[in-house]
Amino acid sequence: MASKSKARVTAFTDLPSSEAKWVKLQKIDYIDAKGTSRVWEVATRKTRGKAGVDAVAMGNIIYHPSKPPSTILVLQFRPPVEATTVEWPAGLIDADEQPEEAAVRELYEETGYRGKVISTSPAVAADPGMTNANMCLCMMEVHLKAGEPEPEQHLDEGEDILRVNVPLAELYERLEGWAKEGYVIAAKLYHWAAGVQYAMDHPELFKKLDQPGAGA
């Protein structure tokens, strides 16, 4: 099991939106479905580019000629949750980038691997009750050769990211284990792993109606 980061939070202080580089706090006045005027507080990003999407996460499948399919996860200290998190690689989309371009770049920077984007999700909400932040999920494939060494990461200054390669068949169990040890699991990764595990445990729920044994 990977060791937790020794990084730690030393203080929380209030920050005026005018002094913030990445996010700002706003008040929304709106009228609900019954015609009642209401107020909502929202954290908004300041960095959204021309793609209209803030960030991208890279779901990834690693193929190796002599090993079972796996996925590369990243462990890093996240100050907002005061803990080391377990996540798929992810990052902000630059102003002139498309999600797929950012996915290839970020996967290479955080893991060293060169991957191919297989599919891209629509822009989805990250936490719609609190923020307008959105993201895309790019599913990627990395095909390795026998004997190919683990590549070097290309991290930005200040990044401290540990890579962990996990066989897909063990992913859900490994995430459960990390959570018990005090790591914080990223929701998008856990939801994907839990969905895959549920489908494996209950295959009868996913039979198409035209398949034998799927019902009357």
Protein backbone atom coordinates (compact mmCIF):
# COMPACT_ATOMS: atom_id res chain seq x y z
CA MET A 1 0.00 0.00 0.00
CA ALA A 2 1.27 3.45 -0.91
CA SER A 3 2.24 5.76 1.92
CA LYS A 4 0.32 8.96 2.58
CA SER A 5 1.83 12.34 1.80
CA LYS A 6 3.52 14.18 4.66
CA ALA A 7 1.95 17.43 3.44
CA ARG A 8 -0.46 19.13 5.82
CA VAL A 9 -2.72 22.17 6.08
CA THR A 10 -1.47 24.84 8.49
CA ALA A 11 -4.36 27.33 8.35
CA PHE A 12 -7.70 28.21 6.79
CA THR A 13 -8.46 31.93 6.28
CA ASP A 14 -11.25 33.81 4.53
CA LEU A 15 -10.33 34.96 1.02
CA PRO A 16 -12.12 37.80 -0.82
CA SER A 17 -13.12 36.82 -4.37
CA SER A 18 -11.17 39.78 -5.71
CA GLU A 19 -7.95 38.26 -4.37
CA ALA A 20 -8.63 34.71 -5.58
CA LYS A 21 -6.88 33.44 -8.73
CA TRP A 22 -8.97 30.36 -9.49
CA VAL A 23 -12.47 30.71 -7.97
CA LYS A 24 -14.92 33.31 -6.74
CA LEU A 25 -18.00 33.24 -4.52
CA GLN A 26 -21.23 34.67 -5.91
CA LYS A 27 -24.85 35.12 -4.86
CA ILE A 28 -27.59 33.99 -7.24
CA ASP A 29 -31.05 35.54 -7.12
CA TYR A 30 -33.60 33.30 -8.79
CA ILE A 31 -37.31 32.48 -8.90
CA ASP A 32 -38.34 28.89 -8.21
CA ALA A 33 -41.05 26.88 -9.98
CA LYS A 34 -43.74 28.25 -7.64
CA GLY A 35 -42.79 31.88 -8.30
CA THR A 36 -40.97 32.43 -5.02
CA SER A 37 -37.83 34.57 -5.04
CA ARG A 38 -34.85 32.75 -3.57
CA VAL A 39 -31.10 33.14 -3.07
CA TRP A 40 -28.28 30.66 -3.68
CA GLU A 41 -24.54 30.79 -2.99
CA VAL A 42 -22.23 29.42 -5.68
CA ALA A 43 -18.49 29.01 -6.17
CA THR A 44 -17.52 29.68 -9.78
CA ARG A 45 -14.26 29.12 -11.63
CA LYS A 46 -12.39 32.02 -13.22
CA THR A 47 -10.48 29.90 -15.73
CA ARG A 48 -13.05 28.40 -18.13
CA GLY A 49 -11.70 28.50 -21.72
CA LYS A 50 -13.23 28.45 -25.18
CA ALA A 51 -14.26 24.80 -24.91
CA GLY A 52 -16.76 25.77 -22.21
CA VAL A 53 -15.45 22.99 -19.97
CA ASP A 54 -13.31 23.50 -16.89
CA ALA A 55 -11.52 20.20 -16.48
CA VAL A 56 -11.02 16.70 -17.79
CA ALA A 57 -10.52 13.39 -16.03
CA MET A 58 -8.76 10.54 -17.78
CA GLY A 59 -10.31 7.17 -17.21
CA ASN A 60 -7.69 4.83 -18.57
CA ILE A 61 -7.16 1.20 -19.46
CA ILE A 62 -3.58 -0.09 -19.60
CA TYR A 63 -3.00 -3.05 -21.92
CA HIS A 64 0.10 -5.22 -21.53
CA PRO A 65 0.89 -8.42 -23.49
CA SER A 66 1.52 -10.52 -20.37
CA LYS A 67 -0.49 -8.76 -17.65
CA PRO A 68 -4.21 -8.31 -17.01
CA PRO A 69 -5.82 -4.99 -18.02
CA SER A 70 -5.18 -2.32 -15.41
CA THR A 71 -5.70 1.37 -14.74
CA ILE A 72 -3.31 4.07 -13.59
CA LEU A 73 -4.42 6.02 -10.52
CA VAL A 74 -2.78 9.02 -8.90
CA LEU A 75 -2.38 9.71 -5.19
CA GLN A 76 -1.85 13.31 -4.12
CA PHE A 77 -2.44 15.59 -1.17
CA ARG A 78 -5.51 17.79 -1.69
CA PRO A 79 -5.63 20.76 0.72
CA PRO A 80 -9.44 21.27 0.52
CA VAL A 81 -10.05 17.83 2.06
CA GLU A 82 -6.87 17.81 4.19
CA ALA A 83 -6.03 14.33 2.97
CA THR A 84 -4.32 12.27 0.32
CA THR A 85 -6.78 11.42 -2.41
CA VAL A 86 -7.01 8.50 -4.82
CA GLU A 87 -8.07 9.65 -8.27
CA TRP A 88 -7.86 9.09 -11.95
CA PRO A 89 -5.44 11.57 -13.54
CA ALA A 90 -7.19 14.89 -14.19
CA GLY A 91 -6.50 18.54 -14.81
CA LEU A 92 -7.79 21.89 -15.97
CA ILE A 93 -8.32 22.51 -19.68
CA ASP A 94 -6.16 25.34 -21.01
CA ALA A 95 -7.85 28.34 -22.61
CA ASP A 96 -7.27 27.21 -26.21
CA GLU A 97 -7.58 23.45 -25.68
CA GLN A 98 -10.29 20.94 -26.39
CA PRO A 99 -10.98 18.26 -23.74
CA GLU A 100 -9.26 15.54 -25.79
CA GLU A 101 -6.10 17.62 -26.16
CA ALA A 102 -6.01 18.32 -22.44
CA ALA A 103 -6.55 14.63 -21.67
CA VAL A 104 -3.54 13.53 -23.73
CA ARG A 105 -1.38 16.28 -22.24
CA GLU A 106 -2.41 15.74 -18.62
CA LEU A 107 -2.05 11.95 -18.78
CA TYR A 108 1.48 12.39 -20.10
CA GLU A 109 2.39 15.00 -17.49
CA GLU A 110 0.98 13.15 -14.47
CA THR A 111 1.86 9.56 -15.43
CA GLY A 112 4.36 9.69 -18.29
CA TYR A 113 2.13 7.48 -20.43
CA ARG A 114 1.08 8.30 -23.98
CA GLY A 115 -2.58 7.44 -24.38
CA LYS A 116 -5.28 7.55 -27.05
CA VAL A 117 -8.72 9.02 -26.34
CA ILE A 118 -11.43 6.44 -27.11
CA SER A 119 -14.49 8.38 -26.00
CA THR A 120 -15.40 11.73 -24.45
CA SER A 121 -18.40 12.37 -22.23
CA PRO A 122 -20.61 15.45 -22.48
CA ALA A 123 -19.76 18.22 -20.04
CA VAL A 124 -21.04 16.99 -16.68
CA ALA A 125 -21.54 18.84 -13.40
CA ALA A 126 -18.92 18.33 -10.71
CA ASP A 127 -21.01 19.40 -7.68
CA PRO A 128 -24.13 21.24 -8.94
CA GLY A 129 -25.40 22.17 -5.50
CA MET A 130 -22.29 24.21 -4.73
CA THR A 131 -20.48 25.17 -7.92
CA ASN A 132 -20.88 25.67 -11.66
CA ALA A 133 -17.65 23.72 -12.24
CA ASN A 134 -17.97 21.11 -14.95
CA MET A 135 -15.79 18.50 -16.58
CA CYS A 136 -15.53 15.83 -19.25
CA LEU A 137 -14.49 12.23 -18.76
CA CYS A 138 -12.16 11.03 -21.50
CA MET A 139 -11.72 7.27 -21.58
CA MET A 140 -8.24 6.46 -22.82
CA GLU A 141 -6.23 3.41 -23.80
CA VAL A 142 -2.51 2.87 -23.31
CA HIS A 143 -0.88 -0.08 -25.10
CA LEU A 144 2.44 -1.22 -23.65
CA LYS A 145 5.07 -3.56 -25.05
CA ALA A 146 6.73 -6.41 -23.18
CA GLY A 147 9.70 -5.18 -21.18
CA GLU A 148 8.80 -1.53 -21.65
CA PRO A 149 10.03 0.46 -18.61
CA GLU A 150 7.76 2.68 -16.56
CA PRO A 151 7.93 6.17 -18.09
CA GLU A 152 9.08 9.31 -16.33
CA GLN A 153 6.47 11.76 -15.06
CA HIS A 154 6.52 15.38 -16.24
CA LEU A 155 5.02 17.19 -13.27
CA ASP A 156 4.55 20.92 -12.88
CA GLU A 157 6.36 22.75 -10.09
CA GLY A 158 4.64 22.07 -6.80
CA GLU A 159 2.98 18.83 -7.93
CA ASP A 160 3.69 15.72 -5.86
CA ILE A 161 1.84 12.85 -7.51
CA LEU A 162 2.35 9.14 -6.91
CA ARG A 163 1.27 6.72 -9.65
CA VAL A 164 -0.31 3.39 -8.79
CA ASN A 165 -1.16 0.72 -11.37
CA VAL A 166 -4.19 -1.34 -10.29
CA PRO A 167 -5.60 -4.39 -12.14
CA LEU A 168 -9.18 -3.62 -13.18
CA ALA A 169 -10.45 -6.79 -11.52
CA GLU A 170 -9.12 -5.50 -8.18
CA LEU A 171 -10.09 -1.84 -8.52
CA TYR A 172 -13.23 -1.71 -6.38
CA GLU A 173 -11.65 -3.80 -3.61
CA ARG A 174 -8.52 -1.65 -3.61
CA LEU A 175 -10.56 1.56 -3.36
CA GLU A 176 -12.49 0.15 -0.41
CA GLY A 177 -9.19 -0.70 1.25
CA TRP A 178 -7.75 2.75 0.70
CA ALA A 179 -10.87 4.37 2.13
CA LYS A 180 -10.54 2.29 5.30
CA GLU A 181 -6.94 3.50 5.66
CA GLY A 182 -7.98 7.15 5.60
CA TYR A 183 -7.48 8.05 1.97
CA VAL A 184 -10.22 10.09 0.28
CA ILE A 185 -11.49 8.49 -2.92
CA ALA A 186 -12.49 10.85 -5.75
CA ALA A 187 -16.23 10.51 -6.40
CA LYS A 188 -15.91 10.12 -10.17
CA LEU A 189 -13.49 7.21 -9.79
CA TYR A 190 -15.48 5.50 -7.04
CA HIS A 191 -18.76 5.81 -8.94
CA TRP A 192 -17.22 4.23 -12.04
CA ALA A 193 -15.66 1.39 -10.07
CA ALA A 194 -18.84 0.79 -8.06
CA GLY A 195 -20.93 0.74 -11.24
CA VAL A 196 -18.61 -1.78 -12.88
CA GLN A 197 -18.60 -3.93 -9.74
CA TYR A 198 -22.40 -3.81 -9.48
CA ALA A 199 -22.77 -4.84 -13.12
CA MET A 200 -20.39 -7.75 -12.52
CA ASP A 201 -22.28 -8.83 -9.39
CA HIS A 202 -25.74 -8.50 -10.99
CA PRO A 203 -25.40 -9.35 -14.69
CA GLU A 204 -29.06 -10.35 -14.86
CA LEU A 205 -30.05 -6.69 -14.54
CA PHE A 206 -28.27 -5.75 -17.74
CA LYS A 207 -29.65 -8.30 -20.19
CA LYS A 208 -31.27 -6.77 -23.25
CA LEU A 209 -34.94 -7.61 -23.76
CA ASP A 210 -34.27 -9.51 -26.98
CA GLN A 211 -31.79 -11.85 -25.30
CA PRO A 212 -32.88 -15.34 -24.20
CA GLY A 213 -33.87 -15.43 -20.55
CA ALA A 214 -34.33 -11.66 -20.33
CA GLY A 215 -38.02 -11.93 -19.51
CA ALA A 216 -41.36 -12.37 -21.21
